[in-house]
């Protein structure tokens, strides 16, 4: 899939949530506005939204093991650059 940047964007999140496959995370609330996303806390204490499909919930439903690598890093762009994406989660925020 090709993307074209139509406006400049500068991320407002200097420390986005990231986790690797196999890591444990703590699951918080579900996002009612954007179903399929949960508020999670990583081992280093960082918190943010992550897709439920990347989390295998434990029996207690309060913790999970990540089944994919994930980063919520936003790209800084100009309108002259075509970004490369590994996986697009653009449904969040639309």
PDB file of N, CA and C in Angstrom:
ATOM      1  N   UNK A   1       0.844  -1.175   0.000  1.00  0.00           N
ATOM      2  CA  UNK A   1       0.000   0.000   0.000  1.00  0.00           C
ATOM      3  C   UNK A   1       0.887   1.235   0.000  1.00  0.00           C
ATOM      4  N   UNK A   2       0.561   2.192  -0.829  1.00  0.00           N
ATOM      5  CA  UNK A   2       1.313   3.437  -0.895  1.00  0.00           C
ATOM      6  C   UNK A   2       0.578   4.532  -0.141  1.00  0.00           C
ATOM      7  N   UNK A   3       1.344   5.401   0.484  1.00  0.00           N
ATOM      8  CA  UNK A   3       0.796   6.534   1.215  1.00  0.00           C
ATOM      9  C   UNK A   3       1.420   7.807   0.686  1.00  0.00           C
ATOM     10  N   UNK A   4       0.667   8.871   0.705  1.00  0.00           N
ATOM     11  CA  UNK A   4       1.168  10.181   0.318  1.00  0.00           C
ATOM     12  C   UNK A   4       0.906  11.126   1.473  1.00  0.00           C
ATOM     13  N   UNK A   5       1.928  11.824   1.904  1.00  0.00           N
ATOM     14  CA  UNK A   5       1.787  12.792   2.985  1.00  0.00           C
ATOM     15  C   UNK A   5       1.188  14.061   2.396  1.00  0.00           C
ATOM     16  N   UNK A   6       0.060  14.501   2.963  1.00  0.00           N
ATOM     17  CA  UNK A   6      -0.590  15.703   2.440  1.00  0.00           C
ATOM     18  C   UNK A   6      -0.430  16.905   3.370  1.00  0.00           C
ATOM     19  N   UNK A   7       0.038  16.667   4.584  1.00  0.00           N
ATOM     20  CA  UNK A   7       0.301  17.789   5.483  1.00  0.00           C
ATOM     21  C   UNK A   7       1.409  17.401   6.459  1.00  0.00           C
ATOM     22  N   UNK A   8       2.067  18.410   6.963  1.00  0.00           N
ATOM     23  CA  UNK A   8       3.158  18.223   7.917  1.00  0.00           C
ATOM     24  C   UNK A   8       2.581  17.717   9.239  1.00  0.00           C
ATOM     25  N   UNK A   9       3.318  16.836   9.901  1.00  0.00           N
ATOM     26  CA  UNK A   9       2.908  16.339  11.222  1.00  0.00           C
ATOM     27  C   UNK A   9       4.137  16.210  12.103  1.00  0.00           C
ATOM     28  N   UNK A  10       4.021  16.704  13.323  1.00  0.00           N
ATOM     29  CA  UNK A  10       5.076  16.532  14.306  1.00  0.00           C
ATOM     30  C   UNK A  10       4.458  15.877  15.537  1.00  0.00           C
ATOM     31  N   UNK A  11       4.965  14.728  15.915  1.00  0.00           N
ATOM     32  CA  UNK A  11       4.428  13.978  17.038  1.00  0.00           C
ATOM     33  C   UNK A  11       4.492  14.787  18.325  1.00  0.00           C
ATOM     34  N   UNK A  12       3.446  14.659  19.120  1.00  0.00           N
ATOM     35  CA  UNK A  12       3.377  15.314  20.430  1.00  0.00           C
ATOM     36  C   UNK A  12       3.683  14.324  21.554  1.00  0.00           C
ATOM     37  N   UNK A  13       4.118  13.125  21.193  1.00  0.00           N
ATOM     38  CA  UNK A  13       4.360  12.062  22.166  1.00  0.00           C
ATOM     39  C   UNK A  13       5.828  11.635  22.111  1.00  0.00           C
ATOM     40  N   UNK A  14       6.669  12.219  22.967  1.00  0.00           N
ATOM     41  CA  UNK A  14       8.103  11.920  22.907  1.00  0.00           C
ATOM     42  C   UNK A  14       8.480  10.531  23.432  1.00  0.00           C
ATOM     43  N   UNK A  15       7.593   9.879  24.191  1.00  0.00           N
ATOM     44  CA  UNK A  15       7.896   8.584  24.781  1.00  0.00           C
ATOM     45  C   UNK A  15       6.738   7.608  24.550  1.00  0.00           C
ATOM     46  N   UNK A  16       6.525   7.182  23.299  1.00  0.00           N
ATOM     47  CA  UNK A  16       5.380   6.319  23.004  1.00  0.00           C
ATOM     48  C   UNK A  16       5.555   4.919  23.598  1.00  0.00           C
ATOM     49  N   UNK A  17       4.435   4.283  23.844  1.00  0.00           N
ATOM     50  CA  UNK A  17       4.469   2.929  24.382  1.00  0.00           C
ATOM     51  C   UNK A  17       5.028   1.970  23.330  1.00  0.00           C
ATOM     52  N   UNK A  18       5.868   1.051  23.788  1.00  0.00           N
ATOM     53  CA  UNK A  18       6.439   0.011  22.933  1.00  0.00           C
ATOM     54  C   UNK A  18       6.564  -1.269  23.748  1.00  0.00           C
ATOM     55  N   UNK A  19       6.359  -2.397  23.088  1.00  0.00           N
ATOM     56  CA  UNK A  19       6.641  -3.681  23.725  1.00  0.00           C
ATOM     57  C   UNK A  19       7.021  -4.681  22.653  1.00  0.00           C
ATOM     58  N   UNK A  20       7.651  -5.756  23.081  1.00  0.00           N
ATOM     59  CA  UNK A  20       8.119  -6.811  22.176  1.00  0.00           C
ATOM     60  C   UNK A  20       7.283  -8.070  22.409  1.00  0.00           C
ATOM     61  N   UNK A  21       7.197  -8.886  21.398  1.00  0.00           N
ATOM     62  CA  UNK A  21       6.505 -10.158  21.518  1.00  0.00           C
ATOM     63  C   UNK A  21       7.110 -10.955  22.677  1.00  0.00           C
ATOM     64  N   UNK A  22       6.249 -11.502  23.518  1.00  0.00           N
ATOM     65  CA  UNK A  22       6.696 -12.283  24.674  1.00  0.00           C
ATOM     66  C   UNK A  22       6.748 -11.495  25.974  1.00  0.00           C
ATOM     67  N   UNK A  23       6.664 -10.173  25.910  1.00  0.00           N
ATOM     68  CA  UNK A  23       6.690  -9.354  27.122  1.00  0.00           C
ATOM     69  C   UNK A  23       5.319  -9.323  27.796  1.00  0.00           C
ATOM     70  N   UNK A  24       5.337  -9.216  29.126  1.00  0.00           N
ATOM     71  CA  UNK A  24       4.118  -9.068  29.908  1.00  0.00           C
ATOM     72  C   UNK A  24       3.728  -7.601  29.982  1.00  0.00           C
ATOM     73  N   UNK A  25       2.431  -7.336  29.907  1.00  0.00           N
ATOM     74  CA  UNK A  25       1.904  -5.992  30.098  1.00  0.00           C
ATOM     75  C   UNK A  25       0.701  -6.074  31.036  1.00  0.00           C
ATOM     76  N   UNK A  26       0.396  -4.964  31.683  1.00  0.00           N
ATOM     77  CA  UNK A  26      -0.788  -4.857  32.534  1.00  0.00           C
ATOM     78  C   UNK A  26      -1.885  -4.216  31.693  1.00  0.00           C
ATOM     79  N   UNK A  27      -3.063  -4.822  31.707  1.00  0.00           N
ATOM     80  CA  UNK A  27      -4.188  -4.318  30.916  1.00  0.00           C
ATOM     81  C   UNK A  27      -5.064  -3.429  31.779  1.00  0.00           C
ATOM     82  N   UNK A  28      -5.352  -2.239  31.264  1.00  0.00           N
ATOM     83  CA  UNK A  28      -6.263  -1.315  31.933  1.00  0.00           C
ATOM     84  C   UNK A  28      -7.609  -1.338  31.242  1.00  0.00           C
ATOM     85  N   UNK A  29      -8.167  -0.176  31.047  1.00  0.00           N
ATOM     86  CA  UNK A  29      -9.508  -0.068  30.462  1.00  0.00           C
ATOM     87  C   UNK A  29      -9.494  -0.290  28.948  1.00  0.00           C
ATOM     88  N   UNK A  30     -10.644  -0.652  28.435  1.00  0.00           N
ATOM     89  CA  UNK A  30     -10.843  -0.768  26.991  1.00  0.00           C
ATOM     90  C   UNK A  30     -11.285   0.592  26.462  1.00  0.00           C
ATOM     91  N   UNK A  31     -10.976   0.867  25.213  1.00  0.00           N
ATOM     92  CA  UNK A  31     -11.352   2.129  24.599  1.00  0.00           C
ATOM     93  C   UNK A  31     -12.764   2.010  24.043  1.00  0.00           C
ATOM     94  N   UNK A  32     -13.707   2.736  24.624  1.00  0.00           N
ATOM     95  CA  UNK A  32     -15.099   2.669  24.178  1.00  0.00           C
ATOM     96  C   UNK A  32     -15.315   3.372  22.843  1.00  0.00           C
ATOM     97  N   UNK A  33     -14.532   4.393  22.570  1.00  0.00           N
ATOM     98  CA  UNK A  33     -14.690   5.135  21.326  1.00  0.00           C
ATOM     99  C   UNK A  33     -14.097   4.373  20.139  1.00  0.00           C
ATOM    100  N   UNK A  34     -12.997   3.652  20.383  1.00  0.00           N
ATOM    101  CA  UNK A  34     -12.328   2.879  19.339  1.00  0.00           C
ATOM    102  C   UNK A  34     -12.188   1.437  19.820  1.00  0.00           C
ATOM    103  N   UNK A  35     -13.215   0.616  19.626  1.00  0.00           N
ATOM    104  CA  UNK A  35     -13.176  -0.776  20.095  1.00  0.00           C
ATOM    105  C   UNK A  35     -11.964  -1.521  19.544  1.00  0.00           C
ATOM    106  N   UNK A  36     -11.452  -2.445  20.358  1.00  0.00           N
ATOM    107  CA  UNK A  36     -10.304  -3.244  19.934  1.00  0.00           C
ATOM    108  C   UNK A  36      -8.986  -2.705  20.449  1.00  0.00           C
ATOM    109  N   UNK A  37      -9.027  -1.638  21.265  1.00  0.00           N
ATOM    110  CA  UNK A  37      -7.829  -1.040  21.835  1.00  0.00           C
ATOM    111  C   UNK A  37      -7.933  -1.032  23.352  1.00  0.00           C
ATOM    112  N   UNK A  38      -6.817  -1.313  24.012  1.00  0.00           N
ATOM    113  CA  UNK A  38      -6.764  -1.324  25.477  1.00  0.00           C
ATOM    114  C   UNK A  38      -5.650  -0.407  25.966  1.00  0.00           C
ATOM    115  N   UNK A  39      -5.872   0.193  27.131  1.00  0.00           N
ATOM    116  CA  UNK A  39      -4.833   0.974  27.804  1.00  0.00           C
ATOM    117  C   UNK A  39      -3.926  -0.028  28.496  1.00  0.00           C
ATOM    118  N   UNK A  40      -2.632  -0.007  28.200  1.00  0.00           N
ATOM    119  CA  UNK A  40      -1.707  -0.967  28.793  1.00  0.00           C
ATOM    120  C   UNK A  40      -0.525  -0.257  29.441  1.00  0.00           C
ATOM    121  N   UNK A  41       0.077  -0.957  30.378  1.00  0.00           N
ATOM    122  CA  UNK A  41       1.270  -0.467  31.071  1.00  0.00           C
ATOM    123  C   UNK A  41       2.370  -1.504  30.881  1.00  0.00           C
ATOM    124  N   UNK A  42       3.527  -1.043  30.413  1.00  0.00           N
ATOM    125  CA  UNK A  42       4.642  -1.946  30.177  1.00  0.00           C
ATOM    126  C   UNK A  42       5.499  -2.081  31.427  1.00  0.00           C
ATOM    127  N   UNK A  43       6.410  -3.020  31.393  1.00  0.00           N
ATOM    128  CA  UNK A  43       7.285  -3.295  32.535  1.00  0.00           C
ATOM    129  C   UNK A  43       8.062  -2.055  32.987  1.00  0.00           C
ATOM    130  N   UNK A  44       8.431  -1.181  32.028  1.00  0.00           N
ATOM    131  CA  UNK A  44       9.185   0.028  32.391  1.00  0.00           C
ATOM    132  C   UNK A  44       8.287   1.161  32.885  1.00  0.00           C
ATOM    133  N   UNK A  45       6.979   0.911  33.005  1.00  0.00           N
ATOM    134  CA  UNK A  45       6.051   1.899  33.536  1.00  0.00           C
ATOM    135  C   UNK A  45       5.411   2.796  32.492  1.00  0.00           C
ATOM    136  N   UNK A  46       5.803   2.649  31.234  1.00  0.00           N
ATOM    137  CA  UNK A  46       5.209   3.453  30.172  1.00  0.00           C
ATOM    138  C   UNK A  46       3.777   2.972  29.927  1.00  0.00           C
ATOM    139  N   UNK A  47       2.888   3.901  29.588  1.00  0.00           N
ATOM    140  CA  UNK A  47       1.484   3.567  29.378  1.00  0.00           C
ATOM    141  C   UNK A  47       0.969   4.152  28.076  1.00  0.00           C
ATOM    142  N   UNK A  48      -0.004   3.473  27.476  1.00  0.00           N
ATOM    143  CA  UNK A  48      -0.625   3.975  26.262  1.00  0.00           C
ATOM    144  C   UNK A  48      -1.580   2.957  25.673  1.00  0.00           C
ATOM    145  N   UNK A  49      -2.193   3.329  24.554  1.00  0.00           N
ATOM    146  CA  UNK A  49      -3.140   2.453  23.865  1.00  0.00           C
ATOM    147  C   UNK A  49      -2.404   1.445  22.993  1.00  0.00           C
ATOM    148  N   UNK A  50      -2.922   0.227  22.978  1.00  0.00           N
ATOM    149  CA  UNK A  50      -2.364  -0.843  22.143  1.00  0.00           C
ATOM    150  C   UNK A  50      -3.521  -1.686  21.610  1.00  0.00           C
ATOM    151  N   UNK A  51      -3.348  -2.289  20.435  1.00  0.00           N
ATOM    152  CA  UNK A  51      -4.416  -3.118  19.869  1.00  0.00           C
ATOM    153  C   UNK A  51      -4.569  -4.432  20.635  1.00  0.00           C
ATOM    154  N   UNK A  52      -5.815  -4.782  20.958  1.00  0.00           N
ATOM    155  CA  UNK A  52      -6.096  -6.032  21.668  1.00  0.00           C
ATOM    156  C   UNK A  52      -5.565  -7.251  20.924  1.00  0.00           C
ATOM    157  N   UNK A  53      -5.569  -7.191  19.588  1.00  0.00           N
ATOM    158  CA  UNK A  53      -5.125  -8.341  18.802  1.00  0.00           C
ATOM    159  C   UNK A  53      -3.647  -8.656  19.022  1.00  0.00           C
ATOM    160  N   UNK A  54      -2.896  -7.741  19.619  1.00  0.00           N
ATOM    161  CA  UNK A  54      -1.481  -7.957  19.908  1.00  0.00           C
ATOM    162  C   UNK A  54      -1.268  -8.512  21.314  1.00  0.00           C
ATOM    163  N   UNK A  55      -2.353  -8.766  22.045  1.00  0.00           N
ATOM    164  CA  UNK A  55      -2.262  -9.183  23.445  1.00  0.00           C
ATOM    165  C   UNK A  55      -2.999 -10.489  23.681  1.00  0.00           C
ATOM    166  N   UNK A  56      -2.322 -11.448  24.301  1.00  0.00           N
ATOM    167  CA  UNK A  56      -2.961 -12.683  24.736  1.00  0.00           C
ATOM    168  C   UNK A  56      -3.229 -12.539  26.221  1.00  0.00           C
ATOM    169  N   UNK A  57      -4.497 -12.283  26.556  1.00  0.00           N
ATOM    170  CA  UNK A  57      -4.881 -12.023  27.938  1.00  0.00           C
ATOM    171  C   UNK A  57      -4.709 -13.267  28.802  1.00  0.00           C
ATOM    172  N   UNK A  58      -4.172 -13.061  30.000  1.00  0.00           N
ATOM    173  CA  UNK A  58      -4.054 -14.155  30.969  1.00  0.00           C
ATOM    174  C   UNK A  58      -5.404 -14.399  31.634  1.00  0.00           C
ATOM    175  N   UNK A  59      -5.520 -15.466  32.388  1.00  0.00           N
ATOM    176  CA  UNK A  59      -6.783 -15.819  33.037  1.00  0.00           C
ATOM    177  C   UNK A  59      -7.312 -14.715  33.938  1.00  0.00           C
ATOM    178  N   UNK A  60      -6.425 -13.922  34.523  1.00  0.00           N
ATOM    179  CA  UNK A  60      -6.872 -12.861  35.429  1.00  0.00           C
ATOM    180  C   UNK A  60      -7.445 -11.656  34.683  1.00  0.00           C
ATOM    181  N   UNK A  61      -7.288 -11.608  33.360  1.00  0.00           N
ATOM    182  CA  UNK A  61      -7.762 -10.531  32.486  1.00  0.00           C
ATOM    183  C   UNK A  61      -7.175  -9.161  32.842  1.00  0.00           C
ATOM    184  N   UNK A  62      -6.176  -9.145  33.717  1.00  0.00           N
ATOM    185  CA  UNK A  62      -5.516  -7.898  34.099  1.00  0.00           C
ATOM    186  C   UNK A  62      -4.103  -7.815  33.538  1.00  0.00           C
ATOM    187  N   UNK A  63      -3.593  -8.942  33.073  1.00  0.00           N
ATOM    188  CA  UNK A  63      -2.269  -8.981  32.463  1.00  0.00           C
ATOM    189  C   UNK A  63      -2.359  -9.740  31.141  1.00  0.00           C
ATOM    190  N   UNK A  64      -1.362  -9.530  30.310  1.00  0.00           N
ATOM    191  CA  UNK A  64      -1.333 -10.205  29.013  1.00  0.00           C
ATOM    192  C   UNK A  64       0.115 -10.392  28.590  1.00  0.00           C
ATOM    193  N   UNK A  65       0.296 -11.279  27.635  1.00  0.00           N
ATOM    194  CA  UNK A  65       1.594 -11.474  26.998  1.00  0.00           C
ATOM    195  C   UNK A  65       1.451 -10.968  25.567  1.00  0.00           C
ATOM    196  N   UNK A  66       2.363 -10.119  25.160  1.00  0.00           N
ATOM    197  CA  UNK A  66       2.322  -9.585  23.797  1.00  0.00           C
ATOM    198  C   UNK A  66       2.621 -10.699  22.797  1.00  0.00           C
ATOM    199  N   UNK A  67       1.837 -10.758  21.727  1.00  0.00           N
ATOM    200  CA  UNK A  67       2.072 -11.761  20.686  1.00  0.00           C
ATOM    201  C   UNK A  67       2.662 -11.144  19.413  1.00  0.00           C
ATOM    202  N   UNK A  68       2.931  -9.839  19.431  1.00  0.00           N
ATOM    203  CA  UNK A  68       3.576  -9.104  18.338  1.00  0.00           C
ATOM    204  C   UNK A  68       4.440  -8.002  18.938  1.00  0.00           C
ATOM    205  N   UNK A  69       5.430  -7.566  18.207  1.00  0.00           N
ATOM    206  CA  UNK A  69       6.133  -6.341  18.565  1.00  0.00           C
ATOM    207  C   UNK A  69       5.197  -5.178  18.265  1.00  0.00           C
ATOM    208  N   UNK A  70       5.245  -4.123  19.079  1.00  0.00           N
ATOM    209  CA  UNK A  70       4.368  -2.980  18.871  1.00  0.00           C
ATOM    210  C   UNK A  70       5.058  -1.690  19.284  1.00  0.00           C
ATOM    211  N   UNK A  71       4.834  -0.655  18.523  1.00  0.00           N
ATOM    212  CA  UNK A  71       5.284   0.692  18.871  1.00  0.00           C
ATOM    213  C   UNK A  71       4.194   1.677  18.469  1.00  0.00           C
ATOM    214  N   UNK A  72       3.867   2.601  19.368  1.00  0.00           N
ATOM    215  CA  UNK A  72       2.885   3.639  19.077  1.00  0.00           C
ATOM    216  C   UNK A  72       3.557   4.904  18.560  1.00  0.00           C
ATOM    217  N   UNK A  73       4.811   4.791  18.159  1.00  0.00           N
ATOM    218  CA  UNK A  73       5.551   5.952  17.668  1.00  0.00           C
ATOM    219  C   UNK A  73       4.853   6.551  16.455  1.00  0.00           C
ATOM    220  N   UNK A  74       4.656   7.851  16.489  1.00  0.00           N
ATOM    221  CA  UNK A  74       4.115   8.577  15.351  1.00  0.00           C
ATOM    222  C   UNK A  74       5.265   9.100  14.506  1.00  0.00           C
ATOM    223  N   UNK A  75       5.052   9.150  13.222  1.00  0.00           N
ATOM    224  CA  UNK A  75       6.081   9.645  12.315  1.00  0.00           C
ATOM    225  C   UNK A  75       5.994  11.153  12.180  1.00  0.00           C
ATOM    226  N   UNK A  76       7.129  11.808  12.253  1.00  0.00           N
ATOM    227  CA  UNK A  76       7.203  13.213  11.897  1.00  0.00           C
ATOM    228  C   UNK A  76       7.330  13.265  10.387  1.00  0.00           C
ATOM    229  N   UNK A  77       6.508  14.090   9.747  1.00  0.00           N
ATOM    230  CA  UNK A  77       6.495  14.113   8.292  1.00  0.00           C
ATOM    231  C   UNK A  77       6.495  15.540   7.750  1.00  0.00           C
ATOM    232  N   UNK A  78       6.850  15.634   6.504  1.00  0.00           N
ATOM    233  CA  UNK A  78       6.647  16.853   5.719  1.00  0.00           C
ATOM    234  C   UNK A  78       5.790  16.442   4.544  1.00  0.00           C
ATOM    235  N   UNK A  79       5.287  17.390   3.808  1.00  0.00           N
ATOM    236  CA  UNK A  79       4.438  17.023   2.671  1.00  0.00           C
ATOM    237  C   UNK A  79       5.238  16.619   1.442  1.00  0.00           C
ATOM    238  N   UNK A  80       6.539  16.412   1.608  1.00  0.00           N
ATOM    239  CA  UNK A  80       7.381  16.021   0.483  1.00  0.00           C
ATOM    240  C   UNK A  80       7.957  14.620   0.641  1.00  0.00           C
ATOM    241  N   UNK A  81       7.519  13.902   1.641  1.00  0.00           N
ATOM    242  CA  UNK A  81       8.110  12.607   1.941  1.00  0.00           C
ATOM    243  C   UNK A  81       7.034  11.525   1.911  1.00  0.00           C
ATOM    244  N   UNK A  82       7.356  10.390   1.352  1.00  0.00           N
ATOM    245  CA  UNK A  82       6.456   9.244   1.367  1.00  0.00           C
ATOM    246  C   UNK A  82       6.958   8.269   2.419  1.00  0.00           C
ATOM    247  N   UNK A  83       6.198   8.075   3.516  1.00  0.00           N
ATOM    248  CA  UNK A  83       6.662   7.196   4.593  1.00  0.00           C
ATOM    249  C   UNK A  83       6.518   5.717   4.237  1.00  0.00           C
ATOM    250  N   UNK A  84       7.324   4.896   4.862  1.00  0.00           N
ATOM    251  CA  UNK A  84       7.205   3.446   4.753  1.00  0.00           C
ATOM    252  C   UNK A  84       6.543   2.928   6.017  1.00  0.00           C
ATOM    253  N   UNK A  85       5.604   2.005   5.872  1.00  0.00           N
ATOM    254  CA  UNK A  85       4.900   1.446   7.011  1.00  0.00           C
ATOM    255  C   UNK A  85       5.140  -0.046   7.093  1.00  0.00           C
ATOM    256  N   UNK A  86       5.282  -0.541   8.318  1.00  0.00           N
ATOM    257  CA  UNK A  86       5.354  -1.971   8.538  1.00  0.00           C
ATOM    258  C   UNK A  86       3.939  -2.498   8.708  1.00  0.00           C
ATOM    259  N   UNK A  87       3.147  -1.835   9.538  1.00  0.00           N
ATOM    260  CA  UNK A  87       1.757  -2.193   9.746  1.00  0.00           C
ATOM    261  C   UNK A  87       0.983  -0.943  10.092  1.00  0.00           C
ATOM    262  N   UNK A  88      -0.176  -0.769   9.505  1.00  0.00           N
ATOM    263  CA  UNK A  88      -0.958   0.431   9.676  1.00  0.00           C
ATOM    264  C   UNK A  88      -2.114   0.180  10.636  1.00  0.00           C
ATOM    265  N   UNK A  89      -2.224   0.997  11.655  1.00  0.00           N
ATOM    266  CA  UNK A  89      -3.355   0.934  12.589  1.00  0.00           C
ATOM    267  C   UNK A  89      -4.146   2.225  12.485  1.00  0.00           C
ATOM    268  N   UNK A  90      -4.391   2.676  11.270  1.00  0.00           N
ATOM    269  CA  UNK A  90      -5.030   3.965  11.072  1.00  0.00           C
ATOM    270  C   UNK A  90      -6.490   3.985  11.498  1.00  0.00           C
ATOM    271  N   UNK A  91      -7.079   2.851  11.854  1.00  0.00           N
ATOM    272  CA  UNK A  91      -8.446   2.857  12.323  1.00  0.00           C
ATOM    273  C   UNK A  91      -8.578   3.588  13.650  1.00  0.00           C
ATOM    274  N   UNK A  92      -7.472   3.701  14.386  1.00  0.00           N
ATOM    275  CA  UNK A  92      -7.489   4.433  15.642  1.00  0.00           C
ATOM    276  C   UNK A  92      -7.444   5.912  15.317  1.00  0.00           C
ATOM    277  N   UNK A  93      -8.468   6.635  15.716  1.00  0.00           N
ATOM    278  CA  UNK A  93      -8.477   8.062  15.497  1.00  0.00           C
ATOM    279  C   UNK A  93      -9.278   8.502  14.291  1.00  0.00           C
ATOM    280  N   UNK A  94      -9.831   7.551  13.542  1.00  0.00           N
ATOM    281  CA  UNK A  94     -10.655   7.929  12.381  1.00  0.00           C
ATOM    282  C   UNK A  94     -12.092   8.036  12.792  1.00  0.00           C
TER     283      UNK A  94
END
